[in-house]
Amino acid sequence: MVELIVGKKGKGKTKVLLDRVNGAVKDANGSIVYLDKSTKHMYELNNKVRLINVTTYPIKNADEFVGFICGIISQDHDLEQIYLDSFLRIANLEGADVTSTLQQLDDIGNAFKVSIIISISLDKEEIPEAFQDKIAVAL
């Protein structure tokens, strides 16, 4: 249940992500969480969306980030959607292969019926072949 919003840095992925999360609030029956590298977008988010500044937590690598996501899911049984902005940075994947982490997140999303919408600073061509069909928006 992973969806990707892809494009190089500065292409407008965050605006697309914010528009999607604020639009999703109207139809949501459960909780929505927005993970980012700061609280900069706090006032652009609907007040029903929980904003988490991931950099305040001691996450050292992608495996710890996946564990962090599992912790969020485990504490909120009504969780419907997780939005991840600045994915490469908050998951400590800058310059690394994203395939394994994306697969883990997809498996977790499917297992717990949570949609995970990810903004990732890579061009469409740089996304692993297995996730090309998960691209919702390419900028």
C-alpha atoms as a PDB file:
ATOM      1  CA  MET A   1       0.000   0.000   0.000  1.00  0.00           C
ATOM      2  CA  VAL A   2       2.821   2.370  -0.892  1.00  0.00           C
ATOM      3  CA  GLU A   3       2.318   5.317  -3.254  1.00  0.00           C
ATOM      4  CA  LEU A   4       5.214   7.422  -4.469  1.00  0.00           C
ATOM      5  CA  ILE A   5       5.455  11.092  -5.349  1.00  0.00           C
ATOM      6  CA  VAL A   6       8.762  11.421  -7.191  1.00  0.00           C
ATOM      7  CA  GLY A   7      10.931  14.205  -8.564  1.00  0.00           C
ATOM      8  CA  LYS A   8      14.183  15.982  -7.877  1.00  0.00           C
ATOM      9  CA  LYS A   9      14.527  18.414  -4.966  1.00  0.00           C
ATOM     10  CA  GLY A  10      12.625  21.654  -5.524  1.00  0.00           C
ATOM     11  CA  LYS A  11      10.085  20.279  -8.025  1.00  0.00           C
ATOM     12  CA  GLY A  12       7.019  20.748  -5.758  1.00  0.00           C
ATOM     13  CA  LYS A  13       6.580  17.315  -4.177  1.00  0.00           C
ATOM     14  CA  THR A  14       5.831  18.757  -0.733  1.00  0.00           C
ATOM     15  CA  LYS A  15       2.992  20.909  -2.077  1.00  0.00           C
ATOM     16  CA  VAL A  16       1.474  17.861  -3.790  1.00  0.00           C
ATOM     17  CA  LEU A  17       1.838  15.860  -0.558  1.00  0.00           C
ATOM     18  CA  LEU A  18       0.256  18.624   1.551  1.00  0.00           C
ATOM     19  CA  ASP A  19      -2.647  18.951  -0.893  1.00  0.00           C
ATOM     20  CA  ARG A  20      -3.182  15.180  -0.796  1.00  0.00           C
ATOM     21  CA  VAL A  21      -3.116  14.922   3.000  1.00  0.00           C
ATOM     22  CA  ASN A  22      -5.447  17.887   3.492  1.00  0.00           C
ATOM     23  CA  GLY A  23      -7.839  16.476   0.881  1.00  0.00           C
ATOM     24  CA  ALA A  24      -7.771  13.049   2.523  1.00  0.00           C
ATOM     25  CA  VAL A  25      -8.940  14.441   5.867  1.00  0.00           C
ATOM     26  CA  LYS A  26     -12.463  15.014   4.490  1.00  0.00           C
ATOM     27  CA  ASP A  27     -12.972  11.333   3.656  1.00  0.00           C
ATOM     28  CA  ALA A  28     -10.947   9.751   6.456  1.00  0.00           C
ATOM     29  CA  ASN A  29     -12.682   7.669   9.093  1.00  0.00           C
ATOM     30  CA  GLY A  30      -9.488   7.073  11.056  1.00  0.00           C
ATOM     31  CA  SER A  31      -6.215   8.814  11.856  1.00  0.00           C
ATOM     32  CA  ILE A  32      -3.719  10.398   9.484  1.00  0.00           C
ATOM     33  CA  VAL A  33      -0.048  10.976  10.325  1.00  0.00           C
ATOM     34  CA  TYR A  34       2.412  13.250   8.492  1.00  0.00           C
ATOM     35  CA  LEU A  35       6.131  12.628   9.057  1.00  0.00           C
ATOM     36  CA  ASP A  36       8.665  15.297   8.149  1.00  0.00           C
ATOM     37  CA  LYS A  37      12.173  16.522   8.965  1.00  0.00           C
ATOM     38  CA  SER A  38      10.839  19.634  10.772  1.00  0.00           C
ATOM     39  CA  THR A  39       7.619  21.304  11.931  1.00  0.00           C
ATOM     40  CA  LYS A  40       7.865  23.893   9.138  1.00  0.00           C
ATOM     41  CA  HIS A  41       4.582  22.801   7.528  1.00  0.00           C
ATOM     42  CA  MET A  42       2.589  22.680  10.778  1.00  0.00           C
ATOM     43  CA  TYR A  43       0.292  25.557   9.785  1.00  0.00           C
ATOM     44  CA  GLU A  44      -0.294  24.186   6.280  1.00  0.00           C
ATOM     45  CA  LEU A  45      -1.697  20.913   7.623  1.00  0.00           C
ATOM     46  CA  ASN A  46      -5.285  20.378   8.686  1.00  0.00           C
ATOM     47  CA  ASN A  47      -5.448  20.267  12.504  1.00  0.00           C
ATOM     48  CA  LYS A  48      -6.798  16.688  12.341  1.00  0.00           C
ATOM     49  CA  VAL A  49      -3.473  15.472  10.923  1.00  0.00           C
ATOM     50  CA  ARG A  50      -0.797  14.483  13.428  1.00  0.00           C
ATOM     51  CA  LEU A  51       2.571  15.968  12.467  1.00  0.00           C
ATOM     52  CA  ILE A  52       5.665  14.141  13.685  1.00  0.00           C
ATOM     53  CA  ASN A  53       9.112  15.716  13.394  1.00  0.00           C
ATOM     54  CA  VAL A  54      11.182  12.564  12.879  1.00  0.00           C
ATOM     55  CA  THR A  55      14.506  14.315  13.497  1.00  0.00           C
ATOM     56  CA  THR A  56      13.651  14.658  17.197  1.00  0.00           C
ATOM     57  CA  TYR A  57      13.959  10.867  17.543  1.00  0.00           C
ATOM     58  CA  PRO A  58      17.320   9.021  17.554  1.00  0.00           C
ATOM     59  CA  ILE A  59      16.834   7.113  14.287  1.00  0.00           C
ATOM     60  CA  LYS A  60      20.243   6.076  12.934  1.00  0.00           C
ATOM     61  CA  ASN A  61      19.404   3.925   9.909  1.00  0.00           C
ATOM     62  CA  ALA A  62      16.629   2.680   7.627  1.00  0.00           C
ATOM     63  CA  ASP A  63      15.889  -0.386   9.784  1.00  0.00           C
ATOM     64  CA  GLU A  64      15.299   1.818  12.820  1.00  0.00           C
ATOM     65  CA  PHE A  65      13.063   4.026  10.666  1.00  0.00           C
ATOM     66  CA  VAL A  66      10.952   1.005   9.676  1.00  0.00           C
ATOM     67  CA  GLY A  67      10.710   0.095  13.373  1.00  0.00           C
ATOM     68  CA  PHE A  68       9.584   3.670  14.085  1.00  0.00           C
ATOM     69  CA  ILE A  69       6.808   3.293  11.486  1.00  0.00           C
ATOM     70  CA  CYS A  70       5.765  -0.007  13.084  1.00  0.00           C
ATOM     71  CA  GLY A  71       5.603   1.722  16.465  1.00  0.00           C
ATOM     72  CA  ILE A  72       3.298   4.409  15.061  1.00  0.00           C
ATOM     73  CA  ILE A  73       1.028   1.777  13.523  1.00  0.00           C
ATOM     74  CA  SER A  74       0.971  -0.352  16.685  1.00  0.00           C
ATOM     75  CA  GLN A  75      -0.152   2.511  18.924  1.00  0.00           C
ATOM     76  CA  ASP A  76      -3.030   3.666  16.691  1.00  0.00           C
ATOM     77  CA  HIS A  77      -5.472   0.979  15.554  1.00  0.00           C
ATOM     78  CA  ASP A  78      -7.518   3.570  13.615  1.00  0.00           C
ATOM     79  CA  LEU A  79      -4.555   4.683  11.510  1.00  0.00           C
ATOM     80  CA  GLU A  80      -5.493   4.911   7.818  1.00  0.00           C
ATOM     81  CA  GLN A  81      -2.702   6.855   6.162  1.00  0.00           C
ATOM     82  CA  ILE A  82       0.906   7.844   6.751  1.00  0.00           C
ATOM     83  CA  TYR A  83       2.464  10.614   4.663  1.00  0.00           C
ATOM     84  CA  LEU A  84       6.257  10.747   4.507  1.00  0.00           C
ATOM     85  CA  ASP A  85       7.920  13.957   3.322  1.00  0.00           C
ATOM     86  CA  SER A  86      11.692  14.135   2.732  1.00  0.00           C
ATOM     87  CA  PHE A  87      11.758  10.327   2.781  1.00  0.00           C
ATOM     88  CA  LEU A  88      15.441   9.875   1.903  1.00  0.00           C
ATOM     89  CA  ARG A  89      16.491  12.158   4.749  1.00  0.00           C
ATOM     90  CA  ILE A  90      14.132  10.970   7.507  1.00  0.00           C
ATOM     91  CA  ALA A  91      14.806   7.307   6.695  1.00  0.00           C
ATOM     92  CA  ASN A  92      18.591   7.865   6.488  1.00  0.00           C
ATOM     93  CA  LEU A  93      18.665   6.639   2.889  1.00  0.00           C
ATOM     94  CA  GLU A  94      20.384   9.543   1.139  1.00  0.00           C
ATOM     95  CA  GLY A  95      22.683   8.011  -1.477  1.00  0.00           C
ATOM     96  CA  ALA A  96      21.574   4.454  -0.610  1.00  0.00           C
ATOM     97  CA  ASP A  97      19.448   1.820  -2.333  1.00  0.00           C
ATOM     98  CA  VAL A  98      15.795   2.323  -1.355  1.00  0.00           C
ATOM     99  CA  THR A  99      14.461  -1.021  -2.622  1.00  0.00           C
ATOM    100  CA  SER A 100      14.533  -2.996   0.636  1.00  0.00           C
ATOM    101  CA  THR A 101      13.030  -0.189   2.734  1.00  0.00           C
ATOM    102  CA  LEU A 102      10.258   0.503   0.216  1.00  0.00           C
ATOM    103  CA  GLN A 103       9.461  -3.235   0.116  1.00  0.00           C
ATOM    104  CA  GLN A 104       9.293  -3.402   3.915  1.00  0.00           C
ATOM    105  CA  LEU A 105       6.990  -0.368   4.046  1.00  0.00           C
ATOM    106  CA  ASP A 106       4.776  -1.845   1.319  1.00  0.00           C
ATOM    107  CA  ASP A 107       4.545  -5.146   3.209  1.00  0.00           C
ATOM    108  CA  ILE A 108       3.734  -3.346   6.481  1.00  0.00           C
ATOM    109  CA  GLY A 109       1.107  -1.179   4.783  1.00  0.00           C
ATOM    110  CA  ASN A 110      -0.555  -4.230   3.251  1.00  0.00           C
ATOM    111  CA  ALA A 111      -0.441  -6.227   6.481  1.00  0.00           C
ATOM    112  CA  PHE A 112      -2.029  -3.476   8.577  1.00  0.00           C
ATOM    113  CA  LYS A 113      -4.183  -1.865   5.848  1.00  0.00           C
ATOM    114  CA  VAL A 114      -2.408   1.494   6.093  1.00  0.00           C
ATOM    115  CA  SER A 115      -1.707   3.599   3.012  1.00  0.00           C
ATOM    116  CA  ILE A 116       1.818   5.003   3.012  1.00  0.00           C
ATOM    117  CA  ILE A 117       2.298   7.960   0.677  1.00  0.00           C
ATOM    118  CA  ILE A 118       5.959   8.835   0.177  1.00  0.00           C
ATOM    119  CA  SER A 119       7.606  11.940  -1.252  1.00  0.00           C
ATOM    120  CA  ILE A 120      11.012  10.883  -2.587  1.00  0.00           C
ATOM    121  CA  SER A 121      13.679  13.106  -4.183  1.00  0.00           C
ATOM    122  CA  LEU A 122      14.483  10.824  -7.108  1.00  0.00           C
ATOM    123  CA  ASP A 123      13.531  11.024 -10.761  1.00  0.00           C
ATOM    124  CA  LYS A 124      11.076   8.444 -12.064  1.00  0.00           C
ATOM    125  CA  GLU A 125      13.932   6.652 -13.836  1.00  0.00           C
ATOM    126  CA  GLU A 126      15.838   6.278 -10.543  1.00  0.00           C
ATOM    127  CA  ILE A 127      12.984   4.453  -8.801  1.00  0.00           C
ATOM    128  CA  PRO A 128      13.564   0.673  -8.636  1.00  0.00           C
ATOM    129  CA  GLU A 129      11.724  -1.282 -11.354  1.00  0.00           C
ATOM    130  CA  ALA A 130       9.608  -3.126  -8.769  1.00  0.00           C
ATOM    131  CA  PHE A 131       8.077   0.199  -7.651  1.00  0.00           C
ATOM    132  CA  GLN A 132       7.434   1.879 -11.005  1.00  0.00           C
ATOM    133  CA  ASP A 133       3.742   0.919 -10.767  1.00  0.00           C
ATOM    134  CA  LYS A 134       3.544   2.602  -7.318  1.00  0.00           C
ATOM    135  CA  ILE A 135       4.350   6.057  -8.714  1.00  0.00           C
ATOM    136  CA  ALA A 136       1.256   8.251  -8.294  1.00  0.00           C
ATOM    137  CA  VAL A 137       2.864  11.578  -9.269  1.00  0.00           C
ATOM    138  CA  ALA A 138       6.100  12.213 -11.178  1.00  0.00           C
ATOM    139  CA  LEU A 139       7.374  15.804 -11.261  1.00  0.00           C
END
